């Protein structure tokens, strides 16, 4: 995939909470970037390029990304870029910039606060402005259509959805940065009422406030990014088979495939997405899914995908030889990014 070896040298995140009353975007960025640089053993003056991911609609104010730059410090001047996307795509831009050969160290960060807005209403605005947005169809309703298609085609069952919730919430109990980890019983989950048939209230991720940062370095000592790619399906959910995900299959192949992958951190806004992605990416039962608890226990808008890559790198540091980090965006996981990290 790459000519220059890029390593994840540092990673930091704030505890994901339902309502953060202590930090605004500037303070959140200051904390996570300082901690990520400290984790990498670097200082701000060592950074050649900085890229961020956020969304002004989520933050509820214009140019929130410009205000957040104050958290980096006023001096020295920096080479900086920004994407109105999850921080995972900011990492992709930084990785691409590092391939050009004129820089060696990049700082990537993302921040989001779901408590400042109705995230569902924001997501409605990204739908087709003529045929879908006027209907006001929310993300859970679209996910329910996807889940129903999966059930009708035999791709998954409601029990598969409950197993995904059960496994992620249990894993989150061991993650101090997660919000909402708990013990659950699969049969009890299946007995709860529907919110959007065939999905129940617990089948959606827990929306949170948070921030995260990653330091990339050419020729570093941390986990190496062996491949990264992102692909996109049709913007119209009705023009594709919702029981499969061609974009995640293609992105995984272009990132180098899952041979040898021991851990996969999947960004799954709804429970139906986990069995769908597992099959689309070719992840076998030997692969540990979301040991951090995934986005079921903390789904900070614009940050959750970047955290999945950071957690994949953390899994490699903890002993895994190869791990996969995944991020998604758009209706019915339309846009998918896959990042493979390996031991150095």
Protein backbone atom coordinates (compact mmCIF):
# COMPACT_ATOMS: atom_id res chain seq x y z
CA UNK A 1 0.00 0.00 0.00
CA UNK A 2 2.64 2.55 0.99
CA UNK A 3 6.19 3.43 0.01
CA UNK A 4 7.05 5.15 3.30
CA UNK A 5 6.43 3.19 6.54
CA UNK A 6 4.03 5.15 8.76
CA UNK A 7 3.69 4.21 12.42
CA UNK A 8 1.13 5.15 15.07
CA UNK A 9 3.48 6.61 17.68
CA UNK A 10 0.94 8.09 20.07
CA UNK A 11 -2.78 7.79 20.88
CA UNK A 12 -4.97 9.52 23.44
CA UNK A 13 -8.67 9.99 24.04
CA UNK A 14 -10.90 11.66 26.57
CA UNK A 15 -13.32 9.51 28.56
CA UNK A 16 -16.49 9.38 26.44
CA UNK A 17 -19.39 10.72 28.48
CA UNK A 18 -23.02 11.50 27.70
CA UNK A 19 -22.57 15.12 28.80
CA UNK A 20 -19.15 16.77 29.21
CA UNK A 21 -19.57 19.79 31.46
CA UNK A 22 -15.83 20.33 31.97
CA UNK A 23 -14.34 20.84 28.50
CA UNK A 24 -15.26 22.84 25.41
CA UNK A 25 -13.77 21.94 22.03
CA UNK A 26 -10.61 24.02 22.61
CA UNK A 27 -9.86 22.43 25.97
CA UNK A 28 -10.69 18.93 24.68
CA UNK A 29 -8.25 19.37 21.79
CA UNK A 30 -5.56 20.74 24.11
CA UNK A 31 -5.79 17.72 26.39
CA UNK A 32 -5.85 14.93 23.79
CA UNK A 33 -3.17 16.42 21.54
CA UNK A 34 -0.84 17.02 24.48
CA UNK A 35 -1.40 13.49 25.77
CA UNK A 36 -0.93 11.89 22.33
CA UNK A 37 2.34 13.79 21.80
CA UNK A 38 3.51 12.78 25.26
CA UNK A 39 2.66 9.16 24.44
CA UNK A 40 4.83 9.50 21.32
CA UNK A 41 7.64 11.20 23.22
CA UNK A 42 7.37 14.27 21.00
CA UNK A 43 6.66 17.98 21.36
CA UNK A 44 4.48 20.35 19.38
CA UNK A 45 7.46 21.78 17.51
CA UNK A 46 8.25 18.30 16.18
CA UNK A 47 4.94 18.11 14.24
CA UNK A 48 5.19 18.84 10.51
CA UNK A 49 1.49 18.60 9.63
CA UNK A 50 -1.77 18.73 11.60
CA UNK A 51 -5.16 17.50 10.38
CA UNK A 52 -8.48 17.51 12.22
CA UNK A 53 -11.93 16.04 11.83
CA UNK A 54 -15.17 17.57 13.12
CA UNK A 55 -18.55 18.91 12.02
CA UNK A 56 -19.92 22.39 12.71
CA UNK A 57 -23.52 21.17 12.60
CA UNK A 58 -22.78 18.76 15.45
CA UNK A 59 -20.96 21.42 17.47
CA UNK A 60 -23.77 23.92 16.92
CA UNK A 61 -21.56 26.84 15.92
CA UNK A 62 -19.80 28.02 12.74
CA UNK A 63 -16.05 27.48 12.35
CA UNK A 64 -15.80 25.41 15.52
CA UNK A 65 -12.77 23.70 13.96
CA UNK A 66 -11.00 27.07 13.76
CA UNK A 67 -11.74 27.77 17.42
CA UNK A 68 -10.38 24.36 18.38
CA UNK A 69 -6.99 25.21 16.88
CA UNK A 70 -6.44 27.45 19.89
CA UNK A 71 -5.94 24.24 21.83
CA UNK A 72 -2.76 23.60 19.82
CA UNK A 73 -1.14 26.86 20.91
CA UNK A 74 -0.56 30.10 19.03
CA UNK A 75 3.11 29.52 18.31
CA UNK A 76 4.84 28.29 16.25
CA UNK A 77 2.63 28.59 13.12
CA UNK A 78 1.52 25.22 11.79
CA UNK A 79 0.75 23.54 8.50
CA UNK A 80 -2.87 22.52 9.05
CA UNK A 81 -5.85 20.97 7.28
CA UNK A 82 -9.37 19.92 8.25
CA UNK A 83 -12.06 17.52 7.03
CA UNK A 84 -15.79 17.76 7.78
CA UNK A 85 -15.71 14.06 8.53
CA UNK A 86 -14.80 11.56 11.19
CA UNK A 87 -11.21 11.91 12.33
CA UNK A 88 -10.41 8.59 10.62
CA UNK A 89 -10.56 10.45 7.30
CA UNK A 90 -8.29 13.16 8.72
CA UNK A 91 -5.86 10.35 9.50
CA UNK A 92 -6.13 9.16 5.90
CA UNK A 93 -5.26 12.67 4.67
CA UNK A 94 -2.31 12.85 7.06
CA UNK A 95 -1.11 9.39 5.96
CA UNK A 96 -1.31 10.54 2.33
CA UNK A 97 0.64 13.72 3.13
CA UNK A 98 3.35 11.64 4.79
CA UNK A 99 3.70 9.61 1.58
CA UNK A 100 4.72 12.75 -0.32
CA UNK A 101 8.12 12.68 1.34
CA UNK A 102 8.48 16.26 2.55
CA UNK A 103 7.24 15.66 6.12
CA UNK A 104 7.81 12.93 8.70
CA UNK A 105 5.45 13.58 11.63
CA UNK A 106 1.72 14.32 11.60
CA UNK A 107 -0.79 15.04 14.36
CA UNK A 108 -4.42 14.00 13.84
CA UNK A 109 -7.27 14.89 16.16
CA UNK A 110 -11.06 14.89 16.23
CA UNK A 111 -13.74 16.16 18.58
CA UNK A 112 -17.51 16.02 18.87
CA UNK A 113 -20.31 16.73 21.32
CA UNK A 114 -23.59 14.94 20.71
CA UNK A 115 -25.03 16.75 23.75
CA UNK A 116 -25.08 20.05 21.84
CA UNK A 117 -27.56 18.99 19.18
CA UNK A 118 -29.98 16.37 17.94
CA UNK A 119 -27.54 14.19 15.99
CA UNK A 120 -30.40 12.43 14.20
CA UNK A 121 -31.56 15.74 12.72
CA UNK A 122 -28.02 16.53 11.61
CA UNK A 123 -27.74 13.13 9.92
CA UNK A 124 -31.00 13.73 8.08
CA UNK A 125 -29.34 16.72 6.39
CA UNK A 126 -26.75 14.45 4.74
CA UNK A 127 -29.45 12.52 2.87
CA UNK A 128 -30.50 13.21 -0.70
CA UNK A 129 -32.10 16.69 -0.52
CA UNK A 130 -34.87 15.84 -3.01
CA UNK A 131 -36.05 12.31 -2.26
CA UNK A 132 -35.01 11.45 1.31
CA UNK A 133 -34.26 14.49 3.46
CA UNK A 134 -37.82 15.92 3.06
CA UNK A 135 -39.17 12.67 4.54
CA UNK A 136 -37.25 13.30 7.75
CA UNK A 137 -36.24 9.64 7.97
CA UNK A 138 -33.87 9.22 10.91
CA UNK A 139 -30.77 6.97 11.05
CA UNK A 140 -32.46 4.31 13.18
CA UNK A 141 -35.33 3.96 10.71
CA UNK A 142 -32.83 3.49 7.89
CA UNK A 143 -30.90 0.97 9.97
CA UNK A 144 -34.15 -0.88 10.66
CA UNK A 145 -34.74 -1.17 6.91
CA UNK A 146 -31.24 -2.56 6.59
CA UNK A 147 -31.76 -4.99 9.48
CA UNK A 148 -35.04 -6.19 7.97
CA UNK A 149 -33.35 -6.79 4.63
CA UNK A 150 -30.63 -8.82 6.38
CA UNK A 151 -33.23 -10.95 8.18
CA UNK A 152 -35.32 -11.49 5.05
CA UNK A 153 -32.30 -12.64 3.05
CA UNK A 154 -30.97 -14.88 5.81
CA UNK A 155 -27.85 -12.76 6.31
CA UNK A 156 -28.52 -12.35 10.05
CA UNK A 157 -31.11 -12.83 12.77
CA UNK A 158 -32.36 -10.78 15.69
CA UNK A 159 -30.33 -13.07 17.92
CA UNK A 160 -27.20 -12.02 16.02
CA UNK A 161 -28.04 -8.40 16.80
CA UNK A 162 -28.54 -9.18 20.48
CA UNK A 163 -25.25 -11.09 20.61
CA UNK A 164 -23.45 -8.05 19.19
CA UNK A 165 -24.94 -5.79 21.86
CA UNK A 166 -24.21 -8.30 24.62
CA UNK A 167 -20.58 -8.78 23.61
CA UNK A 168 -19.78 -5.09 23.17
CA UNK A 169 -21.40 -3.91 26.40
CA UNK A 170 -19.62 -6.65 28.34
CA UNK A 171 -16.26 -5.72 26.83
CA UNK A 172 -16.85 -2.05 27.62
CA UNK A 173 -16.84 -2.85 31.33
CA UNK A 174 -13.04 -3.16 31.09
CA UNK A 175 -12.58 0.13 29.22
CA UNK A 176 -12.34 3.21 31.47
CA UNK A 177 -12.92 5.50 28.48
CA UNK A 178 -16.21 3.83 27.51
CA UNK A 179 -19.68 4.93 28.56
CA UNK A 180 -22.49 2.45 29.12
CA UNK A 181 -20.71 -0.85 29.65
CA UNK A 182 -22.89 -3.41 31.42
CA UNK A 183 -23.72 -7.05 31.81
CA UNK A 184 -26.70 -8.18 29.76
CA UNK A 185 -28.64 -11.34 29.00
CA UNK A 186 -29.32 -12.14 25.36
CA UNK A 187 -32.80 -13.56 25.99
CA UNK A 188 -33.71 -10.54 28.11
CA UNK A 189 -32.53 -8.22 25.34
CA UNK A 190 -34.72 -10.06 22.83
CA UNK A 191 -37.75 -9.69 25.12
CA UNK A 192 -37.62 -5.89 25.07
CA UNK A 193 -40.07 -3.91 22.88
CA UNK A 194 -39.13 -2.71 19.41
CA UNK A 195 -38.10 0.89 18.83
CA UNK A 196 -37.98 0.48 15.05
CA UNK A 197 -38.90 -3.07 14.12
CA UNK A 198 -36.74 -5.22 14.08
CA UNK A 199 -34.43 -2.98 16.17
CA UNK A 200 -34.81 -2.23 19.87
CA UNK A 201 -33.58 0.77 21.82
CA UNK A 202 -30.37 -1.02 22.87
CA UNK A 203 -29.56 -1.83 19.22
CA UNK A 204 -28.22 1.68 18.66
CA UNK A 205 -24.88 2.99 19.90
CA UNK A 206 -24.61 5.28 22.90
CA UNK A 207 -24.11 8.88 21.76
CA UNK A 208 -21.39 10.67 23.72
CA UNK A 209 -19.09 13.70 23.97
CA UNK A 210 -15.38 13.20 23.50
CA UNK A 211 -12.15 13.79 21.60
CA UNK A 212 -9.16 11.77 20.44
CA UNK A 213 -5.75 12.29 18.85
CA UNK A 214 -3.19 10.14 17.05
CA UNK A 215 0.45 10.92 16.21
CA UNK A 216 1.83 9.43 12.99
CA UNK A 217 5.55 9.15 12.31
CA UNK A 218 7.52 7.86 9.36
CA UNK A 219 9.92 5.17 10.53
CA UNK A 220 8.64 5.17 14.09
CA UNK A 221 8.62 2.38 16.67
CA UNK A 222 4.87 2.03 17.23
CA UNK A 223 2.39 -0.18 15.33
CA UNK A 224 2.84 0.22 11.58
CA UNK A 225 0.01 1.10 9.21
CA UNK A 226 0.46 -1.62 6.60
CA UNK A 227 -2.59 -0.60 4.56
CA UNK A 228 -5.41 1.92 4.54
CA UNK A 229 -8.26 2.50 2.11
CA UNK A 230 -11.77 3.88 1.96
CA UNK A 231 -14.61 3.21 -0.47
CA UNK A 232 -18.19 4.37 -0.87
CA UNK A 233 -21.49 2.80 -1.87
CA UNK A 234 -24.38 4.51 -3.60
CA UNK A 235 -25.80 7.46 -1.66
CA UNK A 236 -29.32 6.18 -2.34
CA UNK A 237 -30.06 3.27 0.03
CA UNK A 238 -32.76 2.06 -2.36
CA UNK A 239 -30.28 1.57 -5.18
CA UNK A 240 -28.11 -1.02 -3.36
CA UNK A 241 -28.60 -4.29 -1.53
CA UNK A 242 -28.58 -3.32 2.15
CA UNK A 243 -27.81 -6.87 3.24
CA UNK A 244 -24.25 -6.56 1.93
CA UNK A 245 -21.53 -3.88 1.99
CA UNK A 246 -19.51 -3.78 -1.19
CA UNK A 247 -17.56 -0.72 -0.07
CA UNK A 248 -16.25 -2.38 3.11
CA UNK A 249 -15.33 -5.53 1.17
CA UNK A 250 -13.39 -3.51 -1.38
CA UNK A 251 -11.76 -1.24 1.22
CA UNK A 252 -10.61 -4.27 3.21
CA UNK A 253 -9.07 -5.88 0.14
CA UNK A 254 -7.32 -2.67 -0.87
CA UNK A 255 -5.95 -2.26 2.66
CA UNK A 256 -4.29 -5.66 2.41
CA UNK A 257 -6.96 -8.14 3.49
CA UNK A 258 -7.63 -9.78 6.84
CA UNK A 259 -5.11 -12.62 6.69
CA UNK A 260 -3.48 -12.73 10.11
CA UNK A 261 -5.81 -10.16 11.69
CA UNK A 262 -6.37 -11.07 15.34
CA UNK A 263 -8.39 -8.05 16.52
CA UNK A 264 -10.95 -5.91 14.68
CA UNK A 265 -12.33 -2.65 16.01
CA UNK A 266 -15.51 -1.97 14.04
CA UNK A 267 -17.42 1.30 14.01
CA UNK A 268 -21.03 0.06 14.24
CA UNK A 269 -23.71 2.72 14.86
CA UNK A 270 -26.32 -0.07 15.08
CA UNK A 271 -26.11 -3.72 16.12
CA UNK A 272 -27.07 -5.02 12.68
CA UNK A 273 -23.87 -3.54 11.29
CA UNK A 274 -21.57 -5.89 13.19
CA UNK A 275 -22.63 -9.19 11.54
CA UNK A 276 -22.87 -7.36 8.20
CA UNK A 277 -19.31 -6.01 8.42
CA UNK A 278 -17.94 -9.26 9.82
CA UNK A 279 -19.15 -11.13 6.75
CA UNK A 280 -18.28 -8.38 4.26
CA UNK A 281 -14.71 -8.14 5.54
CA UNK A 282 -14.24 -11.88 5.86
CA UNK A 283 -13.53 -11.80 9.60
CA UNK A 284 -13.52 -15.33 11.00
CA UNK A 285 -14.68 -16.43 14.43
CA UNK A 286 -11.05 -16.44 15.60
CA UNK A 287 -10.94 -12.64 15.28
CA UNK A 288 -11.72 -10.75 18.50
CA UNK A 289 -14.28 -8.05 17.75
CA UNK A 290 -14.30 -4.76 19.63
CA UNK A 291 -12.34 -5.64 22.80
CA UNK A 292 -12.75 -1.97 23.75
CA UNK A 293 -16.55 -2.21 23.65
CA UNK A 294 -16.77 -0.45 20.30
CA UNK A 295 -19.23 2.30 19.56
CA UNK A 296 -22.07 0.59 21.43
CA UNK A 297 -20.52 1.96 24.61
CA UNK A 298 -19.32 5.28 23.19
CA UNK A 299 -20.21 6.76 19.81
CA UNK A 300 -18.92 10.32 19.76
CA UNK A 301 -19.77 11.90 16.38
CA UNK A 302 -16.68 12.60 14.26
CA UNK A 303 -14.48 10.78 16.80
CA UNK A 304 -15.69 7.16 17.02
CA UNK A 305 -13.91 6.03 13.85
CA UNK A 306 -10.58 7.57 14.82
CA UNK A 307 -10.86 5.85 18.22
CA UNK A 308 -11.37 2.50 16.50
CA UNK A 309 -8.01 2.94 14.74
CA UNK A 310 -6.38 4.02 17.97
CA UNK A 311 -7.81 1.02 19.80
CA UNK A 312 -6.57 -1.28 17.02
CA UNK A 313 -3.08 0.15 17.50
CA UNK A 314 -3.46 -0.34 21.26
CA UNK A 315 -4.33 -4.01 20.63
CA UNK A 316 -1.09 -4.43 18.67
CA UNK A 317 0.86 -2.82 21.50
CA UNK A 318 -0.84 -5.27 23.86
CA UNK A 319 0.40 -8.26 21.87
CA UNK A 320 -1.71 -8.73 18.73
CA UNK A 321 0.38 -9.16 15.59
CA UNK A 322 -2.17 -7.60 13.24
CA UNK A 323 -5.33 -5.58 13.90
CA UNK A 324 -8.00 -3.82 11.87
CA UNK A 325 -9.54 -0.42 12.58
CA UNK A 326 -12.75 0.57 10.81
CA UNK A 327 -14.76 3.77 10.43
CA UNK A 328 -18.05 4.42 8.69
CA UNK A 329 -20.21 7.34 7.63
CA UNK A 330 -23.41 8.00 5.74
CA UNK A 331 -26.82 6.27 5.66
CA UNK A 332 -26.74 2.49 6.11
CA UNK A 333 -22.91 2.47 6.48
CA UNK A 334 -22.51 3.96 3.04
CA UNK A 335 -18.87 5.03 3.37
CA UNK A 336 -16.27 2.71 4.92
CA UNK A 337 -12.60 3.16 5.80
CA UNK A 338 -10.32 0.27 6.78
CA UNK A 339 -6.90 0.65 8.39
CA UNK A 340 -4.64 -2.35 9.03
CA UNK A 341 -1.96 -2.00 11.70
CA UNK A 342 0.82 -4.48 12.44
CA UNK A 343 3.56 -5.00 14.96
CA UNK A 344 6.80 -3.28 14.05
